[in-house]
């Protein structure tokens, strides 16, 4: 006669445990959803693409930064670019991992692309770019802290640079190894590993309209080959054009020994990223060869 109440008590206990687990899981899923929304709300800092789509022209540098050194066997074409998502082709593959522990959250996001690289390598006055396969991915990490006053209840504490690399490890022969950012000749940020977390409030460069920003980069290239120079570097930036906020791709000055630099003037306010884009010379010179090798670092900044 006593077994029924005991059994009932056991069932009740199981039910209560199940409810507690369900509540905990629901809370965790809610946190993850909110963290994802907070991460995606960092527009400009976390965008997985950059630059105009397709073969576009390279903007001229300012006169003070217009000396590129000796170019004997490699000349970058004026019109080139990327189409990471081809109409009717493979869609980007997105991976997103969010870990929430108490009042802290960690986000790791990756996007893989199968697109094409375009370059108009002929000097015949006709716009007829050739194409080659582009298999590339971008990675970024971020850290958030619970904050009821922040959008979606989570505040961004730190994040890494955006790091684009070829999907195949053996194609990663071009590597940006250092980027330094100066505002009016004062160092604002120096990064030697794109996976290093930088504090959003303390280390993300804070700029103002009219500031002169100098970007320095060091690039290593182990591809080999006979082209000289062996590496080209460009800066993609949206806040340097006085006519409006739009992408400009500007050739960086080749200072020799893998060092490149360029200065630009801040024209507009906003939150964004500029991108140091390093490519092997053969990627640009040989229009149809399947030889895409590049590395791009996206550096977040804000203009107030």
C-alpha atoms as a PDB file:
ATOM      1  CA  UNK A   1       0.000   0.000   0.000  1.00  0.00           C
ATOM      2  CA  UNK A   2       2.961   2.324   0.552  1.00  0.00           C
ATOM      3  CA  UNK A   3       4.544   1.656  -2.783  1.00  0.00           C
ATOM      4  CA  UNK A   4       2.200   3.914  -4.713  1.00  0.00           C
ATOM      5  CA  UNK A   5       2.920   7.075  -2.745  1.00  0.00           C
ATOM      6  CA  UNK A   6       6.633   6.308  -2.956  1.00  0.00           C
ATOM      7  CA  UNK A   7       6.383   5.778  -6.686  1.00  0.00           C
ATOM      8  CA  UNK A   8       4.402   8.964  -7.036  1.00  0.00           C
ATOM      9  CA  UNK A   9       7.043  10.848  -5.087  1.00  0.00           C
ATOM     10  CA  UNK A  10       9.713   9.464  -7.380  1.00  0.00           C
ATOM     11  CA  UNK A  11       7.802  10.494 -10.483  1.00  0.00           C
ATOM     12  CA  UNK A  12       7.281  13.945  -9.007  1.00  0.00           C
ATOM     13  CA  UNK A  13      10.989  14.263  -8.315  1.00  0.00           C
ATOM     14  CA  UNK A  14      11.827  13.234 -11.882  1.00  0.00           C
ATOM     15  CA  UNK A  15       9.311  15.712 -13.209  1.00  0.00           C
ATOM     16  CA  UNK A  16      10.792  18.512 -11.120  1.00  0.00           C
ATOM     17  CA  UNK A  17      14.298  17.675 -12.273  1.00  0.00           C
ATOM     18  CA  UNK A  18      13.121  17.634 -15.871  1.00  0.00           C
ATOM     19  CA  UNK A  19      11.502  21.029 -15.437  1.00  0.00           C
ATOM     20  CA  UNK A  20      14.657  22.458 -13.927  1.00  0.00           C
ATOM     21  CA  UNK A  21      16.759  21.150 -16.798  1.00  0.00           C
ATOM     22  CA  UNK A  22      14.267  22.493 -19.291  1.00  0.00           C
ATOM     23  CA  UNK A  23      14.337  25.937 -17.666  1.00  0.00           C
ATOM     24  CA  UNK A  24      18.126  25.917 -17.614  1.00  0.00           C
ATOM     25  CA  UNK A  25      18.327  24.890 -21.278  1.00  0.00           C
ATOM     26  CA  UNK A  26      15.805  27.539 -22.261  1.00  0.00           C
ATOM     27  CA  UNK A  27      17.763  30.222 -20.410  1.00  0.00           C
ATOM     28  CA  UNK A  28      21.004  29.088 -22.049  1.00  0.00           C
ATOM     29  CA  UNK A  29      19.432  29.117 -25.511  1.00  0.00           C
ATOM     30  CA  UNK A  30      18.032  32.588 -24.828  1.00  0.00           C
ATOM     31  CA  UNK A  31      21.474  33.803 -23.790  1.00  0.00           C
ATOM     32  CA  UNK A  32      23.025  32.383 -26.937  1.00  0.00           C
ATOM     33  CA  UNK A  33      20.396  34.035 -29.105  1.00  0.00           C
ATOM     34  CA  UNK A  34      21.002  37.367 -27.399  1.00  0.00           C
ATOM     35  CA  UNK A  35      24.779  37.038 -27.698  1.00  0.00           C
ATOM     36  CA  UNK A  36      24.456  36.231 -31.396  1.00  0.00           C
ATOM     37  CA  UNK A  37      22.289  39.323 -31.892  1.00  0.00           C
ATOM     38  CA  UNK A  38      24.803  41.444 -29.966  1.00  0.00           C
ATOM     39  CA  UNK A  39      27.663  40.127 -32.117  1.00  0.00           C
ATOM     40  CA  UNK A  40      25.812  40.682 -35.372  1.00  0.00           C
ATOM     41  CA  UNK A  41      24.940  44.172 -34.130  1.00  0.00           C
ATOM     42  CA  UNK A  42      28.601  45.170 -34.256  1.00  0.00           C
ATOM     43  CA  UNK A  43      28.144  46.265 -37.859  1.00  0.00           C
ATOM     44  CA  UNK A  44      31.428  47.295 -39.425  1.00  0.00           C
ATOM     45  CA  UNK A  45      33.545  45.403 -36.913  1.00  0.00           C
ATOM     46  CA  UNK A  46      32.338  41.921 -37.880  1.00  0.00           C
ATOM     47  CA  UNK A  47      31.288  42.035 -41.565  1.00  0.00           C
ATOM     48  CA  UNK A  48      32.669  39.022 -43.452  1.00  0.00           C
ATOM     49  CA  UNK A  49      33.272  40.807 -46.770  1.00  0.00           C
ATOM     50  CA  UNK A  50      34.890  44.040 -47.952  1.00  0.00           C
ATOM     51  CA  UNK A  51      35.470  46.081 -51.060  1.00  0.00           C
ATOM     52  CA  UNK A  52      33.377  46.410 -54.188  1.00  0.00           C
ATOM     53  CA  UNK A  53      32.369  43.163 -55.872  1.00  0.00           C
ATOM     54  CA  UNK A  54      34.017  42.305 -59.171  1.00  0.00           C
ATOM     55  CA  UNK A  55      36.956  43.728 -61.130  1.00  0.00           C
ATOM     56  CA  UNK A  56      37.205  47.356 -60.042  1.00  0.00           C
ATOM     57  CA  UNK A  57      39.856  50.021 -60.423  1.00  0.00           C
ATOM     58  CA  UNK A  58      42.541  50.815 -57.883  1.00  0.00           C
ATOM     59  CA  UNK A  59      42.436  54.380 -56.566  1.00  0.00           C
ATOM     60  CA  UNK A  60      45.513  56.574 -56.823  1.00  0.00           C
ATOM     61  CA  UNK A  61      47.449  57.239 -53.660  1.00  0.00           C
ATOM     62  CA  UNK A  62      48.141  60.768 -52.466  1.00  0.00           C
ATOM     63  CA  UNK A  63      51.215  62.382 -54.068  1.00  0.00           C
ATOM     64  CA  UNK A  64      53.223  61.968 -50.878  1.00  0.00           C
ATOM     65  CA  UNK A  65      52.705  58.212 -51.032  1.00  0.00           C
ATOM     66  CA  UNK A  66      52.936  57.591 -54.753  1.00  0.00           C
ATOM     67  CA  UNK A  67      56.410  56.075 -55.029  1.00  0.00           C
ATOM     68  CA  UNK A  68      56.216  52.316 -55.278  1.00  0.00           C
ATOM     69  CA  UNK A  69      59.855  51.487 -55.917  1.00  0.00           C
ATOM     70  CA  UNK A  70      61.292  49.453 -58.778  1.00  0.00           C
ATOM     71  CA  UNK A  71      58.877  47.206 -60.684  1.00  0.00           C
ATOM     72  CA  UNK A  72      60.683  45.122 -63.247  1.00  0.00           C
ATOM     73  CA  UNK A  73      58.678  41.983 -64.002  1.00  0.00           C
ATOM     74  CA  UNK A  74      55.367  42.407 -62.171  1.00  0.00           C
ATOM     75  CA  UNK A  75      52.838  45.193 -62.666  1.00  0.00           C
ATOM     76  CA  UNK A  76      49.529  45.036 -60.829  1.00  0.00           C
ATOM     77  CA  UNK A  77      46.572  45.389 -63.218  1.00  0.00           C
ATOM     78  CA  UNK A  78      44.401  48.425 -62.683  1.00  0.00           C
ATOM     79  CA  UNK A  79      41.162  46.410 -62.702  1.00  0.00           C
ATOM     80  CA  UNK A  80      40.878  43.339 -60.497  1.00  0.00           C
ATOM     81  CA  UNK A  81      38.799  42.060 -57.626  1.00  0.00           C
ATOM     82  CA  UNK A  82      36.838  39.254 -56.019  1.00  0.00           C
ATOM     83  CA  UNK A  83      33.382  37.744 -56.325  1.00  0.00           C
ATOM     84  CA  UNK A  84      33.088  35.634 -53.218  1.00  0.00           C
ATOM     85  CA  UNK A  85      29.485  34.615 -53.844  1.00  0.00           C
ATOM     86  CA  UNK A  86      28.806  33.738 -57.492  1.00  0.00           C
ATOM     87  CA  UNK A  87      25.199  33.907 -58.652  1.00  0.00           C
ATOM     88  CA  UNK A  88      23.961  30.348 -58.926  1.00  0.00           C
ATOM     89  CA  UNK A  89      27.140  29.017 -57.327  1.00  0.00           C
ATOM     90  CA  UNK A  90      27.975  27.639 -53.883  1.00  0.00           C
ATOM     91  CA  UNK A  91      26.595  29.573 -50.966  1.00  0.00           C
ATOM     92  CA  UNK A  92      28.861  30.680 -48.107  1.00  0.00           C
ATOM     93  CA  UNK A  93      29.289  28.075 -45.382  1.00  0.00           C
ATOM     94  CA  UNK A  94      28.891  29.689 -41.962  1.00  0.00           C
ATOM     95  CA  UNK A  95      30.033  28.175 -38.673  1.00  0.00           C
ATOM     96  CA  UNK A  96      29.061  29.852 -35.413  1.00  0.00           C
ATOM     97  CA  UNK A  97      29.984  28.651 -31.935  1.00  0.00           C
ATOM     98  CA  UNK A  98      28.716  30.487 -28.845  1.00  0.00           C
ATOM     99  CA  UNK A  99      29.729  29.443 -25.340  1.00  0.00           C
ATOM    100  CA  UNK A 100      28.003  31.079 -22.370  1.00  0.00           C
ATOM    101  CA  UNK A 101      29.317  30.653 -18.839  1.00  0.00           C
ATOM    102  CA  UNK A 102      27.665  32.794 -16.213  1.00  0.00           C
ATOM    103  CA  UNK A 103      27.999  36.431 -17.198  1.00  0.00           C
ATOM    104  CA  UNK A 104      30.593  35.846 -19.935  1.00  0.00           C
ATOM    105  CA  UNK A 105      30.208  34.628 -23.495  1.00  0.00           C
ATOM    106  CA  UNK A 106      32.643  33.646 -26.245  1.00  0.00           C
ATOM    107  CA  UNK A 107      31.832  33.779 -29.963  1.00  0.00           C
ATOM    108  CA  UNK A 108      33.782  32.063 -32.737  1.00  0.00           C
ATOM    109  CA  UNK A 109      32.565  32.639 -36.274  1.00  0.00           C
ATOM    110  CA  UNK A 110      33.876  31.425 -39.607  1.00  0.00           C
ATOM    111  CA  UNK A 111      32.631  31.827 -43.172  1.00  0.00           C
ATOM    112  CA  UNK A 112      33.885  29.815 -46.141  1.00  0.00           C
ATOM    113  CA  UNK A 113      33.567  31.081 -49.724  1.00  0.00           C
ATOM    114  CA  UNK A 114      33.916  29.434 -53.109  1.00  0.00           C
ATOM    115  CA  UNK A 115      34.067  32.299 -55.554  1.00  0.00           C
ATOM    116  CA  UNK A 116      36.216  33.695 -58.331  1.00  0.00           C
ATOM    117  CA  UNK A 117      39.102  36.137 -58.600  1.00  0.00           C
ATOM    118  CA  UNK A 118      39.016  38.514 -61.567  1.00  0.00           C
ATOM    119  CA  UNK A 119      41.914  40.390 -63.160  1.00  0.00           C
ATOM    120  CA  UNK A 120      42.131  42.336 -66.410  1.00  0.00           C
ATOM    121  CA  UNK A 121      45.750  41.528 -67.199  1.00  0.00           C
ATOM    122  CA  UNK A 122      45.721  42.630 -70.847  1.00  0.00           C
ATOM    123  CA  UNK A 123      46.801  46.117 -71.864  1.00  0.00           C
ATOM    124  CA  UNK A 124      44.635  46.276 -74.972  1.00  0.00           C
ATOM    125  CA  UNK A 125      42.215  48.962 -73.846  1.00  0.00           C
ATOM    126  CA  UNK A 126      39.358  46.456 -73.589  1.00  0.00           C
ATOM    127  CA  UNK A 127      37.784  45.540 -70.271  1.00  0.00           C
ATOM    128  CA  UNK A 128      37.863  41.740 -70.397  1.00  0.00           C
ATOM    129  CA  UNK A 129      38.966  40.332 -67.023  1.00  0.00           C
ATOM    130  CA  UNK A 130      39.897  36.681 -66.723  1.00  0.00           C
ATOM    131  CA  UNK A 131      38.850  34.563 -63.744  1.00  0.00           C
ATOM    132  CA  UNK A 132      40.311  31.912 -61.497  1.00  0.00           C
ATOM    133  CA  UNK A 133      38.939  29.917 -58.535  1.00  0.00           C
ATOM    134  CA  UNK A 134      38.887  31.620 -55.147  1.00  0.00           C
ATOM    135  CA  UNK A 135      38.448  29.334 -52.135  1.00  0.00           C
ATOM    136  CA  UNK A 136      38.824  31.412 -49.014  1.00  0.00           C
ATOM    137  CA  UNK A 137      37.528  31.697 -45.472  1.00  0.00           C
ATOM    138  CA  UNK A 138      37.390  34.357 -42.775  1.00  0.00           C
ATOM    139  CA  UNK A 139      37.625  33.831 -39.015  1.00  0.00           C
ATOM    140  CA  UNK A 140      36.897  36.023 -36.005  1.00  0.00           C
ATOM    141  CA  UNK A 141      36.437  35.625 -32.252  1.00  0.00           C
ATOM    142  CA  UNK A 142      34.747  37.918 -29.737  1.00  0.00           C
ATOM    143  CA  UNK A 143      34.115  38.095 -25.996  1.00  0.00           C
ATOM    144  CA  UNK A 144      30.992  39.541 -24.374  1.00  0.00           C
ATOM    145  CA  UNK A 145      29.970  40.415 -20.817  1.00  0.00           C
ATOM    146  CA  UNK A 146      26.410  40.420 -19.550  1.00  0.00           C
ATOM    147  CA  UNK A 147      25.216  44.018 -19.270  1.00  0.00           C
ATOM    148  CA  UNK A 148      21.510  44.882 -18.947  1.00  0.00           C
ATOM    149  CA  UNK A 149      22.203  48.374 -20.307  1.00  0.00           C
ATOM    150  CA  UNK A 150      23.796  47.068 -23.530  1.00  0.00           C
ATOM    151  CA  UNK A 151      21.883  46.141 -26.694  1.00  0.00           C
ATOM    152  CA  UNK A 152      20.472  42.614 -26.321  1.00  0.00           C
ATOM    153  CA  UNK A 153      21.829  42.519 -22.763  1.00  0.00           C
ATOM    154  CA  UNK A 154      25.447  41.799 -23.732  1.00  0.00           C
ATOM    155  CA  UNK A 155      28.386  44.188 -24.134  1.00  0.00           C
ATOM    156  CA  UNK A 156      31.339  43.514 -26.444  1.00  0.00           C
ATOM    157  CA  UNK A 157      34.540  43.353 -24.386  1.00  0.00           C
ATOM    158  CA  UNK A 158      37.129  42.168 -26.900  1.00  0.00           C
ATOM    159  CA  UNK A 159      37.415  40.858 -30.429  1.00  0.00           C
ATOM    160  CA  UNK A 160      40.029  39.696 -32.884  1.00  0.00           C
ATOM    161  CA  UNK A 161      40.786  41.045 -36.314  1.00  0.00           C
ATOM    162  CA  UNK A 162      39.010  39.563 -39.318  1.00  0.00           C
ATOM    163  CA  UNK A 163      41.423  37.133 -40.958  1.00  0.00           C
ATOM    164  CA  UNK A 164      40.827  35.955 -44.550  1.00  0.00           C
ATOM    165  CA  UNK A 165      42.984  33.046 -45.772  1.00  0.00           C
ATOM    166  CA  UNK A 166      42.832  30.442 -48.549  1.00  0.00           C
ATOM    167  CA  UNK A 167      40.887  27.361 -47.533  1.00  0.00           C
ATOM    168  CA  UNK A 168      43.710  24.988 -48.488  1.00  0.00           C
ATOM    169  CA  UNK A 169      46.572  25.167 -45.987  1.00  0.00           C
ATOM    170  CA  UNK A 170      49.211  24.719 -48.704  1.00  0.00           C
ATOM    171  CA  UNK A 171      47.947  27.909 -50.395  1.00  0.00           C
ATOM    172  CA  UNK A 172      48.674  30.030 -47.311  1.00  0.00           C
ATOM    173  CA  UNK A 173      52.081  31.147 -48.495  1.00  0.00           C
ATOM    174  CA  UNK A 174      51.327  34.860 -48.192  1.00  0.00           C
ATOM    175  CA  UNK A 175      50.975  35.966 -44.569  1.00  0.00           C
ATOM    176  CA  UNK A 176      50.445  39.398 -43.068  1.00  0.00           C
ATOM    177  CA  UNK A 177      52.612  39.258 -39.947  1.00  0.00           C
ATOM    178  CA  UNK A 178      52.185  42.704 -38.443  1.00  0.00           C
ATOM    179  CA  UNK A 179      49.914  45.724 -38.728  1.00  0.00           C
ATOM    180  CA  UNK A 180      50.461  49.016 -36.908  1.00  0.00           C
ATOM    181  CA  UNK A 181      47.996  51.905 -36.925  1.00  0.00           C
ATOM    182  CA  UNK A 182      49.073  55.485 -36.204  1.00  0.00           C
ATOM    183  CA  UNK A 183      46.770  58.455 -35.683  1.00  0.00           C
ATOM    184  CA  UNK A 184      48.565  61.743 -36.322  1.00  0.00           C
ATOM    185  CA  UNK A 185      51.895  59.906 -35.774  1.00  0.00           C
ATOM    186  CA  UNK A 186      50.789  58.409 -32.443  1.00  0.00           C
ATOM    187  CA  UNK A 187      50.640  54.612 -32.310  1.00  0.00           C
ATOM    188  CA  UNK A 188      47.066  53.430 -31.679  1.00  0.00           C
ATOM    189  CA  UNK A 189      47.292  49.701 -32.302  1.00  0.00           C
ATOM    190  CA  UNK A 190      49.922  47.090 -33.146  1.00  0.00           C
ATOM    191  CA  UNK A 191      48.950  43.492 -33.886  1.00  0.00           C
ATOM    192  CA  UNK A 192      51.221  40.577 -34.787  1.00  0.00           C
ATOM    193  CA  UNK A 193      48.623  37.810 -34.603  1.00  0.00           C
ATOM    194  CA  UNK A 194      45.120  38.313 -36.068  1.00  0.00           C
ATOM    195  CA  UNK A 195      43.733  35.836 -33.520  1.00  0.00           C
ATOM    196  CA  UNK A 196      44.821  38.001 -30.576  1.00  0.00           C
ATOM    197  CA  UNK A 197      41.926  39.533 -28.672  1.00  0.00           C
ATOM    198  CA  UNK A 198      41.961  43.327 -28.493  1.00  0.00           C
ATOM    199  CA  UNK A 199      39.907  45.308 -25.997  1.00  0.00           C
ATOM    200  CA  UNK A 200      37.018  47.106 -27.692  1.00  0.00           C
ATOM    201  CA  UNK A 201      37.088  50.173 -25.438  1.00  0.00           C
ATOM    202  CA  UNK A 202      40.842  50.431 -24.853  1.00  0.00           C
ATOM    203  CA  UNK A 203      42.517  49.285 -28.065  1.00  0.00           C
ATOM    204  CA  UNK A 204      40.176  49.575 -31.049  1.00  0.00           C
ATOM    205  CA  UNK A 205      41.464  52.768 -32.732  1.00  0.00           C
ATOM    206  CA  UNK A 206      39.288  55.790 -32.017  1.00  0.00           C
ATOM    207  CA  UNK A 207      39.610  58.410 -34.738  1.00  0.00           C
ATOM    208  CA  UNK A 208      38.209  61.832 -35.570  1.00  0.00           C
ATOM    209  CA  UNK A 209      37.386  63.569 -38.821  1.00  0.00           C
ATOM    210  CA  UNK A 210      40.487  65.170 -40.280  1.00  0.00           C
ATOM    211  CA  UNK A 211      42.913  62.766 -38.611  1.00  0.00           C
ATOM    212  CA  UNK A 212      45.759  61.368 -40.676  1.00  0.00           C
ATOM    213  CA  UNK A 213      45.952  57.607 -40.265  1.00  0.00           C
ATOM    214  CA  UNK A 214      49.121  55.803 -41.242  1.00  0.00           C
ATOM    215  CA  UNK A 215      48.965  52.043 -41.668  1.00  0.00           C
ATOM    216  CA  UNK A 216      52.120  49.944 -41.651  1.00  0.00           C
ATOM    217  CA  UNK A 217      52.202  46.249 -42.513  1.00  0.00           C
ATOM    218  CA  UNK A 218      54.805  43.526 -42.754  1.00  0.00           C
ATOM    219  CA  UNK A 219      54.132  40.641 -45.145  1.00  0.00           C
ATOM    220  CA  UNK A 220      55.971  37.340 -45.595  1.00  0.00           C
ATOM    221  CA  UNK A 221      55.721  35.493 -48.908  1.00  0.00           C
ATOM    222  CA  UNK A 222      57.154  31.980 -49.311  1.00  0.00           C
ATOM    223  CA  UNK A 223      55.401  31.192 -52.596  1.00  0.00           C
ATOM    224  CA  UNK A 224      58.540  31.444 -54.696  1.00  0.00           C
ATOM    225  CA  UNK A 225      58.694  32.348 -58.374  1.00  0.00           C
ATOM    226  CA  UNK A 226      60.536  34.896 -60.467  1.00  0.00           C
ATOM    227  CA  UNK A 227      58.234  37.912 -60.267  1.00  0.00           C
ATOM    228  CA  UNK A 228      59.600  41.136 -58.865  1.00  0.00           C
ATOM    229  CA  UNK A 229      58.155  42.456 -56.686  1.00  0.00           C
ATOM    230  CA  UNK A 230      56.920  39.133 -55.332  1.00  0.00           C
ATOM    231  CA  UNK A 231      54.127  40.677 -53.252  1.00  0.00           C
ATOM    232  CA  UNK A 232      51.564  43.431 -53.671  1.00  0.00           C
ATOM    233  CA  UNK A 233      49.709  45.064 -50.781  1.00  0.00           C
ATOM    234  CA  UNK A 234      46.604  47.229 -50.900  1.00  0.00           C
ATOM    235  CA  UNK A 235      44.477  49.055 -48.367  1.00  0.00           C
ATOM    236  CA  UNK A 236      40.677  48.883 -48.574  1.00  0.00           C
ATOM    237  CA  UNK A 237      39.018  51.740 -46.680  1.00  0.00           C
ATOM    238  CA  UNK A 238      35.557  53.334 -46.783  1.00  0.00           C
ATOM    239  CA  UNK A 239      36.095  56.568 -44.870  1.00  0.00           C
ATOM    240  CA  UNK A 240      38.846  58.153 -46.990  1.00  0.00           C
ATOM    241  CA  UNK A 241      36.841  59.384 -49.984  1.00  0.00           C
ATOM    242  CA  UNK A 242      35.707  63.019 -49.545  1.00  0.00           C
ATOM    243  CA  UNK A 243      32.680  62.411 -51.794  1.00  0.00           C
ATOM    244  CA  UNK A 244      31.044  59.836 -49.542  1.00  0.00           C
ATOM    245  CA  UNK A 245      31.378  56.608 -47.566  1.00  0.00           C
ATOM    246  CA  UNK A 246      32.392  54.094 -50.191  1.00  0.00           C
ATOM    247  CA  UNK A 247      35.145  51.561 -50.659  1.00  0.00           C
ATOM    248  CA  UNK A 248      38.470  52.693 -52.076  1.00  0.00           C
ATOM    249  CA  UNK A 249      41.286  50.268 -52.799  1.00  0.00           C
ATOM    250  CA  UNK A 250      44.672  52.004 -52.677  1.00  0.00           C
ATOM    251  CA  UNK A 251      48.070  50.542 -53.472  1.00  0.00           C
ATOM    252  CA  UNK A 252      50.343  50.555 -50.417  1.00  0.00           C
ATOM    253  CA  UNK A 253      53.898  51.811 -50.663  1.00  0.00           C
ATOM    254  CA  UNK A 254      56.432  48.987 -50.974  1.00  0.00           C
ATOM    255  CA  UNK A 255      59.253  49.940 -48.605  1.00  0.00           C
ATOM    256  CA  UNK A 256      61.229  46.767 -49.263  1.00  0.00           C
ATOM    257  CA  UNK A 257      61.866  43.658 -47.162  1.00  0.00           C
ATOM    258  CA  UNK A 258      58.142  42.924 -46.916  1.00  0.00           C
ATOM    259  CA  UNK A 259      57.259  46.289 -45.359  1.00  0.00           C
ATOM    260  CA  UNK A 260      54.372  48.347 -46.729  1.00  0.00           C
ATOM    261  CA  UNK A 261      52.748  51.610 -45.641  1.00  0.00           C
ATOM    262  CA  UNK A 262      50.033  54.072 -46.574  1.00  0.00           C
ATOM    263  CA  UNK A 263      48.417  57.150 -45.049  1.00  0.00           C
ATOM    264  CA  UNK A 264      44.815  58.275 -45.439  1.00  0.00           C
ATOM    265  CA  UNK A 265      42.677  61.109 -44.058  1.00  0.00           C
ATOM    266  CA  UNK A 266      39.501  60.396 -42.118  1.00  0.00           C
ATOM    267  CA  UNK A 267      36.511  61.991 -43.839  1.00  0.00           C
ATOM    268  CA  UNK A 268      33.389  60.622 -42.119  1.00  0.00           C
ATOM    269  CA  UNK A 269      32.236  59.327 -38.738  1.00  0.00           C
ATOM    270  CA  UNK A 270      31.079  55.792 -38.098  1.00  0.00           C
ATOM    271  CA  UNK A 271      32.157  52.307 -37.047  1.00  0.00           C
ATOM    272  CA  UNK A 272      33.937  50.187 -39.623  1.00  0.00           C
ATOM    273  CA  UNK A 273      37.036  48.196 -40.532  1.00  0.00           C
ATOM    274  CA  UNK A 274      39.790  48.815 -43.031  1.00  0.00           C
ATOM    275  CA  UNK A 275      41.559  45.890 -44.658  1.00  0.00           C
ATOM    276  CA  UNK A 276      45.210  45.216 -45.428  1.00  0.00           C
ATOM    277  CA  UNK A 277      45.182  42.983 -48.516  1.00  0.00           C
ATOM    278  CA  UNK A 278      48.419  41.161 -49.447  1.00  0.00           C
ATOM    279  CA  UNK A 279      48.640  39.057 -52.612  1.00  0.00           C
ATOM    280  CA  UNK A 280      51.290  37.008 -54.358  1.00  0.00           C
ATOM    281  CA  UNK A 281      52.363  38.694 -57.597  1.00  0.00           C
ATOM    282  CA  UNK A 282      51.476  35.645 -59.717  1.00  0.00           C
ATOM    283  CA  UNK A 283      47.880  35.816 -58.480  1.00  0.00           C
ATOM    284  CA  UNK A 284      47.553  39.188 -60.196  1.00  0.00           C
ATOM    285  CA  UNK A 285      49.872  38.581 -63.146  1.00  0.00           C
ATOM    286  CA  UNK A 286      48.658  35.175 -64.344  1.00  0.00           C
ATOM    287  CA  UNK A 287      44.994  35.723 -65.086  1.00  0.00           C
ATOM    288  CA  UNK A 288      43.672  32.174 -65.535  1.00  0.00           C
ATOM    289  CA  UNK A 289      46.084  30.049 -63.493  1.00  0.00           C
ATOM    290  CA  UNK A 290      44.586  28.382 -60.418  1.00  0.00           C
ATOM    291  CA  UNK A 291      47.053  30.051 -58.069  1.00  0.00           C
ATOM    292  CA  UNK A 292      45.078  32.280 -55.694  1.00  0.00           C
ATOM    293  CA  UNK A 293      47.271  33.177 -52.699  1.00  0.00           C
ATOM    294  CA  UNK A 294      46.430  36.083 -50.449  1.00  0.00           C
ATOM    295  CA  UNK A 295      45.914  37.093 -46.834  1.00  0.00           C
ATOM    296  CA  UNK A 296      43.732  39.956 -45.635  1.00  0.00           C
ATOM    297  CA  UNK A 297      43.451  41.443 -42.165  1.00  0.00           C
ATOM    298  CA  UNK A 298      40.396  43.519 -41.249  1.00  0.00           C
ATOM    299  CA  UNK A 299      41.161  46.075 -38.524  1.00  0.00           C
ATOM    300  CA  UNK A 300      38.206  47.581 -36.640  1.00  0.00           C
ATOM    301  CA  UNK A 301      38.066  51.311 -35.932  1.00  0.00           C
ATOM    302  CA  UNK A 302      35.544  53.965 -34.993  1.00  0.00           C
ATOM    303  CA  UNK A 303      35.325  57.625 -35.953  1.00  0.00           C
ATOM    304  CA  UNK A 304      33.631  60.043 -33.577  1.00  0.00           C
END
